Protein backbone atom coordinates (compact mmCIF):
# COMPACT_ATOMS: atom_id res chain seq x y z
CA MET A 1 3.36 -20.86 17.14
CA THR A 2 5.47 -22.65 14.54
CA PRO A 3 7.71 -25.14 15.97
CA GLY A 4 11.52 -24.41 15.03
CA PRO A 5 14.85 -25.11 16.47
CA PHE A 6 14.64 -21.77 18.29
CA THR A 7 12.98 -21.73 22.04
CA SER A 8 14.54 -18.89 23.56
CA THR A 9 12.67 -15.48 24.60
CA GLU A 10 15.79 -13.75 23.12
CA PRO A 11 15.83 -14.13 19.20
CA ASP A 12 17.88 -12.48 17.18
CA VAL A 13 14.90 -10.27 15.63
CA VAL A 14 11.02 -9.39 16.92
CA VAL A 15 8.71 -8.40 13.92
CA ILE A 16 5.52 -6.31 14.88
CA GLY A 17 2.83 -7.09 12.29
CA GLY A 18 2.15 -10.11 9.90
CA GLY A 19 0.69 -8.21 6.76
CA PRO A 20 2.41 -8.42 3.52
CA ALA A 21 5.97 -6.47 5.18
CA GLY A 22 6.10 -8.14 8.36
CA SER A 23 5.64 -11.59 6.81
CA THR A 24 8.04 -10.62 3.99
CA VAL A 25 10.89 -9.60 6.48
CA ALA A 26 10.64 -12.34 8.40
CA ALA A 27 10.44 -15.35 6.24
CA LEU A 28 13.64 -13.15 4.76
CA LEU A 29 15.74 -13.09 7.85
CA ALA A 30 14.50 -16.83 8.69
CA ASP A 31 15.73 -18.00 5.63
CA LYS A 32 19.14 -16.69 6.53
CA GLY A 33 19.54 -18.58 9.40
CA HIS A 34 18.20 -15.86 12.32
CA ASP A 35 16.07 -16.23 15.05
CA VAL A 36 13.11 -14.73 13.55
CA VAL A 37 9.44 -14.25 16.10
CA LEU A 38 6.90 -12.53 14.00
CA PHE A 39 3.62 -11.24 16.08
CA GLU A 40 0.10 -10.80 14.64
CA LYS A 41 -2.18 -8.87 16.66
CA ALA A 42 -5.61 -10.84 14.66
CA HIS A 43 -5.61 -14.33 13.63
CA HIS A 44 -5.21 -15.37 9.61
CA PRO A 45 -7.18 -14.97 7.08
CA ARG A 46 -8.17 -12.05 8.39
CA PHE A 47 -10.02 -8.98 5.99
CA HIS A 48 -7.58 -6.04 4.30
CA ILE A 49 -8.75 -3.58 1.81
CA GLY A 50 -5.59 -3.45 -0.96
CA GLU A 51 -6.27 -6.00 -2.98
CA SER A 52 -4.55 -4.96 -6.16
CA LEU A 53 -1.29 -5.37 -6.83
CA LEU A 54 1.22 -4.08 -9.29
CA PRO A 55 3.60 -5.64 -11.82
CA MET A 56 6.92 -5.13 -10.08
CA ASN A 57 5.42 -7.30 -7.30
CA MET A 58 6.00 -10.13 -9.51
CA PRO A 59 9.71 -10.37 -9.47
CA LEU A 60 9.43 -9.96 -5.50
CA PHE A 61 7.38 -12.79 -5.19
CA ASP A 62 9.95 -14.99 -7.32
CA ARG A 63 12.36 -13.91 -4.91
CA LEU A 64 10.06 -15.06 -2.40
CA GLY A 65 9.32 -18.41 -3.73
CA VAL A 66 5.34 -17.55 -3.71
CA ARG A 67 4.81 -16.41 -7.42
CA THR A 68 2.93 -19.76 -8.22
CA GLU A 69 0.91 -19.65 -5.18
CA VAL A 70 -0.18 -15.93 -5.41
CA GLU A 71 -1.09 -16.18 -8.99
CA ALA A 72 -3.05 -19.40 -8.09
CA ILE A 73 -5.51 -17.33 -5.90
CA GLY A 74 -5.63 -14.35 -8.14
CA ILE A 75 -7.00 -12.94 -11.30
CA ALA A 76 -4.48 -11.34 -14.34
CA LYS A 77 -4.58 -7.64 -14.22
CA HIS A 78 -2.85 -6.73 -17.52
CA GLY A 79 -3.92 -2.74 -17.18
CA ALA A 80 -5.96 -0.01 -16.65
CA GLU A 81 -8.89 1.97 -17.20
CA PHE A 82 -10.12 5.57 -16.31
CA VAL A 83 -13.27 6.22 -16.65
CA SER A 84 -14.38 10.18 -16.78
CA PRO A 85 -17.95 11.40 -16.63
CA TRP A 86 -16.74 14.75 -18.73
CA HIS A 87 -15.40 12.17 -21.43
CA ASP A 88 -17.27 9.87 -24.05
CA HIS A 89 -14.51 7.59 -24.34
CA THR A 90 -12.68 5.17 -21.97
CA SER A 91 -8.70 5.21 -21.77
CA HIS A 92 -6.92 1.91 -21.48
CA PHE A 93 -2.98 1.73 -20.48
CA PHE A 94 -1.18 -1.62 -20.53
CA PHE A 95 1.47 -2.74 -18.26
CA GLY A 96 3.20 -4.60 -21.62
CA GLU A 97 3.33 -1.24 -23.18
CA ALA A 98 5.92 0.00 -20.27
CA MET A 99 9.76 1.16 -20.79
CA ASP A 100 10.52 -2.29 -19.75
CA LYS A 101 7.93 -4.71 -21.52
CA SER A 102 9.44 -7.39 -18.94
CA PHE A 103 6.70 -7.10 -16.53
CA PRO A 104 3.52 -7.31 -18.38
CA TYR A 105 0.76 -8.38 -15.56
CA ALA A 106 -0.01 -8.08 -12.20
CA VAL A 107 -2.62 -9.87 -10.14
CA HIS A 108 -5.79 -8.62 -7.95
CA VAL A 109 -6.19 -10.87 -4.55
CA ARG A 110 -8.59 -11.15 -1.88
CA ARG A 111 -6.41 -10.06 0.88
CA SER A 112 -7.59 -12.40 3.22
CA GLU A 113 -6.16 -15.04 1.39
CA PHE A 114 -2.45 -13.38 0.01
CA ASP A 115 -2.12 -12.29 3.62
CA GLU A 116 -2.80 -15.46 5.14
CA LEU A 117 0.06 -17.50 2.42
CA LEU A 118 2.80 -14.93 2.95
CA PHE A 119 2.49 -15.56 6.87
CA ARG A 120 2.45 -19.32 6.72
CA HIS A 121 5.13 -18.65 4.01
CA ALA A 122 7.37 -16.98 6.85
CA ALA A 123 6.53 -20.13 9.25
CA ARG A 124 7.78 -22.49 6.72
CA ARG A 125 10.87 -20.45 6.37
CA GLY A 126 11.68 -21.05 9.81
CA ALA A 127 10.71 -18.03 11.59
CA ARG A 128 8.33 -18.69 14.92
CA THR A 129 4.98 -17.27 14.03
CA PHE A 130 2.02 -16.15 16.67
CA GLU A 131 -1.57 -14.71 16.05
CA GLY A 132 -3.75 -12.86 18.31
CA GLN A 133 -0.98 -11.73 20.23
CA ARG A 134 -0.83 -7.43 20.65
CA VAL A 135 2.91 -6.15 21.06
CA MET A 136 1.95 -2.98 24.26
CA GLY A 137 5.19 -1.39 24.13
CA VAL A 138 8.83 -1.51 22.78
CA ASP A 139 11.71 -0.60 25.02
CA MET A 140 15.09 -0.10 23.02
CA ASP A 141 16.81 0.97 26.00
CA ALA A 142 16.34 -1.82 27.80
CA GLY A 143 19.37 -3.48 27.55
CA LYS A 144 21.92 -0.61 27.43
CA GLY A 145 25.07 -0.92 29.22
CA ALA A 146 24.43 -4.75 29.50
CA ASP A 147 23.41 -6.87 26.73
CA ASN A 148 22.00 -3.94 24.52
CA ARG A 149 18.62 -5.87 23.81
CA ALA A 150 15.43 -4.12 23.75
CA LEU A 151 12.62 -5.27 25.81
CA VAL A 152 8.79 -6.00 23.71
CA LYS A 153 5.94 -6.52 25.57
CA ILE A 154 3.16 -9.09 24.12
CA LYS A 155 -0.48 -9.61 25.58
CA ALA A 156 -2.03 -12.38 24.26
CA GLU A 157 -6.05 -12.61 23.43
CA ASP A 158 -6.43 -14.65 26.84
CA GLY A 159 -4.83 -11.42 28.94
CA SER A 160 -1.53 -13.64 29.58
CA GLU A 161 1.69 -11.07 28.95
CA THR A 162 5.17 -11.99 27.93
CA SER A 163 8.09 -10.42 26.96
CA TRP A 164 11.11 -10.53 24.78
CA ARG A 165 14.47 -9.14 24.37
CA PRO A 166 15.61 -9.13 20.49
CA ARG A 167 18.65 -7.84 18.97
CA PHE A 168 16.61 -5.73 16.90
CA VAL A 169 13.38 -5.02 16.38
CA ILE A 170 11.10 -4.23 12.60
CA ASP A 171 7.94 -2.44 12.87
CA ALA A 172 5.54 -3.81 9.91
CA SER A 173 2.47 -3.37 12.25
CA GLY A 174 1.20 -0.92 9.03
CA ARG A 175 -1.39 1.60 10.01
CA ASP A 176 -1.24 0.92 13.87
CA THR A 177 2.59 2.51 13.53
CA VAL A 178 3.17 1.19 17.10
CA LEU A 179 7.30 2.49 17.01
CA SER A 180 6.17 5.74 15.29
CA ASN A 181 3.64 6.75 18.14
CA GLN A 182 5.76 5.34 20.52
CA PHE A 183 8.96 7.76 19.52
CA ASP A 184 6.10 10.71 18.76
CA ALA A 185 7.42 10.48 15.14
CA LYS A 186 4.06 10.34 13.38
CA GLN A 187 2.86 13.39 11.54
CA ARG A 188 0.14 13.96 9.16
CA ASN A 189 0.89 14.60 5.48
CA ARG A 190 -0.16 18.43 5.35
CA LYS A 191 -0.71 18.04 1.70
CA HIS A 192 -3.04 15.36 0.99
CA ALA A 193 -6.19 13.56 3.11
CA SER A 194 -8.77 11.08 2.12
CA ALA A 195 -10.98 8.74 3.21
CA ALA A 196 -12.98 5.27 1.55
CA LEU A 197 -16.28 3.56 1.57
CA PHE A 198 -16.23 0.20 -0.04
CA GLY A 199 -17.89 -2.97 -0.46
CA HIS A 200 -17.88 -6.07 -2.24
CA PHE A 201 -20.38 -6.84 -5.19
CA GLU A 202 -22.22 -10.06 -6.83
CA ASN A 203 -23.30 -10.21 -10.31
CA ALA A 204 -21.05 -6.96 -11.59
CA GLU A 205 -20.54 -5.99 -14.98
CA ARG A 206 -16.84 -7.55 -15.81
CA ARG A 207 -14.93 -6.35 -19.21
CA PRO A 208 -14.25 -9.04 -22.11
CA GLY A 209 -11.38 -10.75 -22.59
CA ARG A 210 -7.81 -9.51 -22.15
CA TYR A 211 -9.92 -6.38 -20.04
CA GLU A 212 -11.62 -8.51 -17.46
CA GLY A 213 -8.87 -8.07 -14.71
CA ASN A 214 -7.97 -4.97 -15.36
CA ILE A 215 -8.46 -2.51 -12.48
CA SER A 216 -10.82 0.69 -13.80
CA LEU A 217 -10.48 4.08 -11.81
CA PHE A 218 -13.62 6.39 -12.31
CA TRP A 219 -13.64 10.16 -11.44
CA PHE A 220 -16.69 11.70 -10.06
CA ASP A 221 -17.32 14.96 -8.79
CA HIS A 222 -15.95 14.44 -5.29
CA GLY A 223 -13.10 12.14 -5.92
CA TRP A 224 -12.59 8.76 -7.43
CA PHE A 225 -13.97 5.13 -7.33
CA TRP A 226 -11.80 1.78 -7.60
CA TYR A 227 -13.31 -0.95 -9.35
CA ILE A 228 -11.67 -4.29 -9.00
CA PRO A 229 -12.22 -8.02 -10.15
CA LEU A 230 -11.42 -10.48 -8.13
CA LYS A 231 -11.05 -14.34 -9.26
CA ASP A 232 -14.44 -15.74 -7.65
CA GLY A 233 -16.45 -13.66 -9.87
CA THR A 234 -16.62 -10.89 -6.99
CA VAL A 235 -15.87 -6.83 -7.77
CA SER A 236 -14.29 -4.73 -4.93
CA VAL A 237 -15.77 -1.04 -5.47
CA GLY A 238 -14.77 1.62 -3.17
CA ALA A 239 -14.51 5.53 -3.37
CA VAL A 240 -12.09 7.55 -2.46
CA ALA A 241 -12.97 11.23 -1.24
CA SER A 242 -12.61 14.19 1.14
CA PRO A 243 -13.18 13.21 4.67
CA ALA A 244 -15.56 16.24 4.35
CA TYR A 245 -17.76 14.56 1.51
CA PHE A 246 -17.92 12.16 3.58
CA LYS A 247 -19.20 14.10 6.65
CA ARG A 248 -22.78 14.40 4.41
CA ARG A 249 -23.69 11.03 5.33
CA LYS A 250 -27.23 10.77 7.00
CA GLY A 251 -28.15 6.88 6.91
CA THR A 252 -26.11 3.68 6.96
CA LEU A 253 -23.17 3.31 5.19
CA GLU A 254 -24.31 0.72 2.67
CA GLU A 255 -27.00 3.59 1.81
CA PHE A 256 -24.47 6.25 1.38
CA LEU A 257 -22.34 3.93 -0.57
CA MET A 258 -24.76 3.20 -2.90
CA GLU A 259 -25.68 6.95 -3.22
CA THR A 260 -22.50 7.92 -3.74
CA ILE A 261 -21.98 5.71 -6.77
CA ALA A 262 -25.14 7.00 -8.14
CA LEU A 263 -23.10 10.09 -8.71
CA ALA A 264 -20.62 8.58 -11.35
CA PRO A 265 -23.43 6.99 -13.99
CA LYS A 266 -21.22 5.03 -15.84
CA LEU A 267 -19.92 3.10 -12.91
CA ALA A 268 -23.50 2.25 -11.45
CA ALA A 269 -24.33 1.34 -15.11
CA ARG A 270 -22.36 -1.60 -14.44
CA LEU A 271 -23.43 -2.57 -11.20
CA LYS A 272 -27.13 -2.23 -12.26
CA ASN A 273 -27.84 -5.83 -11.92
CA ALA A 274 -25.10 -6.14 -9.06
CA THR A 275 -25.92 -7.01 -5.37
CA LEU A 276 -23.76 -5.59 -2.51
CA MET A 277 -22.38 -8.50 -0.31
CA GLU A 278 -21.98 -8.09 3.44
CA GLY A 279 -22.48 -4.60 3.50
CA ALA A 280 -20.21 -1.57 3.25
CA THR A 281 -16.92 -0.53 5.38
CA THR A 282 -15.24 2.75 5.82
CA THR A 283 -11.62 3.66 6.77
CA GLY A 284 -9.95 7.30 7.28
CA ASN A 285 -6.99 7.30 4.77
CA TYR A 286 -5.35 9.86 6.41
CA ALA A 287 -1.87 9.99 4.29
CA TYR A 288 1.01 10.61 7.18
CA ASP A 289 4.83 9.58 7.56
CA SER A 290 7.44 9.17 10.27
CA LYS A 291 10.17 11.94 10.86
CA PHE A 292 12.47 8.79 10.31
CA CYS A 293 12.32 5.21 9.14
CA ARG A 294 15.42 3.63 11.13
CA GLY A 295 16.98 4.20 14.53
CA ASP A 296 19.33 2.24 16.76
CA ARG A 297 18.58 -1.70 16.47
CA PHE A 298 15.15 -0.90 14.81
CA MET A 299 13.48 -0.34 11.34
CA MET A 300 9.79 0.81 10.12
CA VAL A 301 8.54 -1.06 6.80
CA GLY A 302 5.41 -0.41 4.81
CA ASP A 303 2.70 1.36 6.21
CA ALA A 304 4.35 1.80 9.74
CA TYR A 305 6.48 4.34 8.14
CA ALA A 306 4.07 6.19 5.67
CA PHE A 307 0.78 5.79 4.10
CA VAL A 308 -0.34 7.21 0.86
CA ASP A 309 -3.56 7.08 -0.71
CA PRO A 310 -4.34 4.05 -2.65
CA MET A 311 -4.68 5.57 -6.04
CA PHE A 312 -2.59 3.50 -7.97
CA SER A 313 -2.28 0.33 -5.82
CA SER A 314 0.89 1.24 -4.30
CA GLY A 315 0.72 -0.16 -1.03
CA VAL A 316 1.32 -3.50 -0.85
CA TYR A 317 4.30 -3.48 -2.80
CA LEU A 318 5.82 -0.65 -0.97
CA ALA A 319 5.53 -2.51 1.66
CA MET A 320 7.01 -5.67 0.66
CA ASN A 321 9.93 -3.73 -1.23
CA SER A 322 10.59 -1.77 2.17
CA ALA A 323 10.53 -5.76 3.68
CA PHE A 324 13.02 -7.02 0.75
CA GLU A 325 15.62 -3.66 1.65
CA SER A 326 15.34 -3.77 5.20
CA ALA A 327 16.09 -7.68 5.40
CA ALA A 328 19.17 -6.89 3.60
CA ALA A 329 20.19 -4.21 5.95
CA ALA A 330 18.89 -6.17 9.38
CA ASP A 331 20.95 -9.30 8.11
CA LEU A 332 24.27 -7.46 7.68
CA TRP A 333 23.60 -5.83 10.97
CA LEU A 334 23.07 -9.05 12.55
CA ARG A 335 26.22 -10.67 11.55
CA GLY A 336 28.38 -7.90 12.43
CA GLU A 337 29.23 -6.49 9.35
CA MET A 338 29.05 -2.93 10.12
CA LYS A 339 30.55 -1.47 7.36
CA GLU A 340 28.14 -2.60 4.92
CA ALA A 341 25.25 -2.56 7.12
CA GLU A 342 25.36 1.27 7.24
CA LYS A 343 25.55 1.37 3.66
CA ALA A 344 22.42 -0.91 3.40
CA PHE A 345 20.72 1.21 5.80
CA ARG A 346 21.33 4.20 4.07
CA ARG A 347 19.83 2.65 0.86
CA PHE A 348 16.78 1.62 2.94
CA ASP A 349 16.25 5.51 3.98
CA LYS A 350 16.55 6.43 0.27
CA VAL A 351 13.94 3.41 -0.71
CA MET A 352 11.82 4.38 1.79
CA LYS A 353 11.40 8.18 0.68
CA HIS A 354 11.56 7.74 -2.80
CA GLY A 355 8.77 5.47 -3.68
CA PRO A 356 5.92 7.67 -1.51
CA LYS A 357 7.33 10.60 -3.35
CA MET A 358 6.90 9.54 -6.78
CA PHE A 359 3.27 8.14 -6.39
CA SER A 360 2.48 11.08 -4.30
CA TRP A 361 3.10 13.68 -7.14
CA PHE A 362 0.38 12.05 -9.13
CA ILE A 363 -2.19 11.26 -5.98
CA TYR A 364 -2.01 15.22 -5.20
CA ARG A 365 -3.20 15.87 -8.51
CA ILE A 366 -5.55 12.89 -9.16
CA THR A 367 -8.94 15.20 -9.24
CA SER A 368 -7.41 18.39 -11.66
CA PRO A 369 -8.94 18.29 -15.24
CA ALA A 370 -5.44 18.70 -16.50
CA ILE A 371 -4.50 15.06 -15.14
CA ARG A 372 -7.70 13.91 -16.35
CA ARG A 373 -6.98 15.06 -20.10
CA LEU A 374 -3.34 13.79 -20.13
CA PHE A 375 -4.68 10.13 -18.76
CA MET A 376 -7.66 10.17 -20.98
CA ASN A 377 -5.78 11.56 -23.94
CA PRO A 378 -2.37 10.02 -23.85
CA ARG A 379 0.42 10.06 -26.39
CA ASN A 380 3.86 8.64 -26.28
CA ILE A 381 5.46 12.06 -27.09
CA TRP A 382 9.45 11.70 -25.86
CA ARG A 383 8.16 7.98 -24.67
CA MET A 384 6.70 10.20 -21.64
CA GLN A 385 3.38 7.59 -21.69
CA GLU A 386 6.23 4.45 -21.09
CA ALA A 387 7.44 6.46 -18.70
CA LEU A 388 4.02 6.76 -16.88
CA LEU A 389 3.63 3.31 -17.28
CA SER A 390 6.35 2.33 -15.79
CA ILE A 391 5.82 4.60 -12.62
CA LEU A 392 2.87 3.11 -12.58
CA ALA A 393 4.20 -0.72 -12.51
CA GLY A 394 6.29 0.09 -9.98
CA ASP A 395 9.42 0.38 -11.86
CA LEU A 396 10.67 2.99 -9.39
CA PHE A 397 13.94 1.45 -7.71
CA ARG A 398 15.66 -0.14 -10.64
CA ASN A 399 17.92 2.16 -13.88
CA THR A 400 14.89 2.33 -16.03
CA PRO A 401 15.16 5.52 -17.53
CA ILE A 402 11.98 7.29 -16.46
CA GLY A 403 13.14 10.81 -14.84
CA PRO A 404 13.82 12.52 -17.65
CA ARG A 405 10.39 11.73 -19.21
CA PHE A 406 8.32 11.88 -15.79
CA TRP A 407 9.77 15.68 -15.74
CA GLY A 408 9.10 15.94 -19.22
CA PHE A 409 4.88 14.84 -18.27
CA LYS A 410 5.48 17.57 -15.60
CA VAL A 411 6.34 20.50 -17.72
CA THR A 412 3.05 19.05 -19.86
CA TYR A 413 0.88 18.85 -16.84
CA TYR A 414 1.65 22.95 -15.67
CA ALA A 415 0.94 23.81 -19.31
CA SER A 416 -2.17 22.00 -19.78
CA CYS A 417 -2.82 23.72 -16.29
CA ILE A 418 -2.22 27.15 -17.65
CA GLY A 419 -4.26 26.34 -20.71
CA ILE A 420 -7.46 25.63 -18.63
CA LEU A 421 -5.84 28.32 -15.80
CA PRO A 422 -9.60 29.38 -14.33
CA GLN A 423 -10.65 25.47 -14.07
CA ALA A 424 -7.22 24.70 -12.79
CA ILE A 425 -7.30 27.76 -9.96
CA LYS A 426 -11.06 26.62 -9.07
CA THR A 427 -10.33 23.21 -8.68
CA TRP A 428 -6.91 24.01 -6.37
CA ALA A 429 -9.24 26.17 -4.09
CA TRP A 430 -11.86 23.60 -3.83
CA ARG A 431 -9.04 20.87 -2.99
CA ARG A 432 -7.04 23.80 -0.58
CA ARG A 433 -10.51 24.35 1.51
CA ASN A 434 -11.44 20.23 1.91
CA LEU A 435 -8.18 19.45 3.19
CA LYS A 436 -7.94 22.69 5.46
CA GLU A 437 -11.33 21.38 6.78
CA SER A 438 -10.09 17.54 6.99
CA LEU A 439 -6.79 18.61 9.02
CA GLU A 440 -8.83 20.91 11.43
CA THR A 441 -11.38 17.61 11.71
CA ALA A 442 -9.00 15.65 12.66
CA LYS A 443 -7.27 17.84 15.31
CA THR A 444 -10.34 17.70 17.47
């Protein structure tokens, strides 16, 4: 625990989860003078996937006051490279060519370092931070008719239990989705399901010069790979595919990862002299959201509300952006400014739905031949390529005029599908079969 002026078990806010969303909202509210208690079930540093950030993360780091620290542990990412086995060339996109040229780069980070940095920052800002403490249950109605405080029950690693009575609860528990599960509000995405298998490699080939820190995306018959260079010289490599594909595994995770890499010869070539470190890890990335993201005296932020495929590195950005929005609304509510708070809550609702929706349109179609054709042969007609880069950079919540161009890109995509209709139908049917099988498996 971080010592501070607050000692009561009746804080203003309990934040569940010490990842990027939870640590961000805890730091922001503590900085406003509120008594904030932040619970993390594990101990930092702890492993987490999701190492590639977006350019629009950078202004959030500025506002949080951690940009210099984040850049010190990261490697600059100026853009993205798309590699297709059906094309001889590669396609490069640079964030500095987006509609707004002010955000030309992001960084890749080791999440163990990054998450701990944000968690310690929350403590420095005044949040009371606890590690190795799991939230066992939240009773939002415990104080009805009295002080109207929730009851949050915590269990420590040594088995001891404590009870906390906050005025407000913010769920940033990630894919544990504490409140969404408790309220039976979690719903599986019926349009998408995927799983991932990944590992870290040393002595992998890196791109020269300006391209070194760029993320690379490799398509293969069953999905796609990420290829993320990290500052310590290692590279994070992961395969994302339908859960139906991963059911084929017969050997170890390490063997299956290498077998899958072999299906992408251009990726395998970059790893021919590389060594897999510390084995391989798998995770089921079933997409989901909740029926709601807020209610009476609580909010859900980041993956605690919704999870989408990691295709465009949107996870940390959407989590931190939602933390800023929730902190603004919760601060007003805690101060009793109810009229302004309700406006902020409505904006929070809108933001939480808009971000995943924008990224999901691409994610649902990323294996389609029409999308591959457009990404591998980009054209900036009517500034559509600039708008696409703005979306990939995370520029979704400002006044950048991407909307009309995005619709233009959609029209171009559907026209391309018509031009290759038999192939498009075949890919659609394949994806539909895999999705159906994945959803049926999830029920068992």
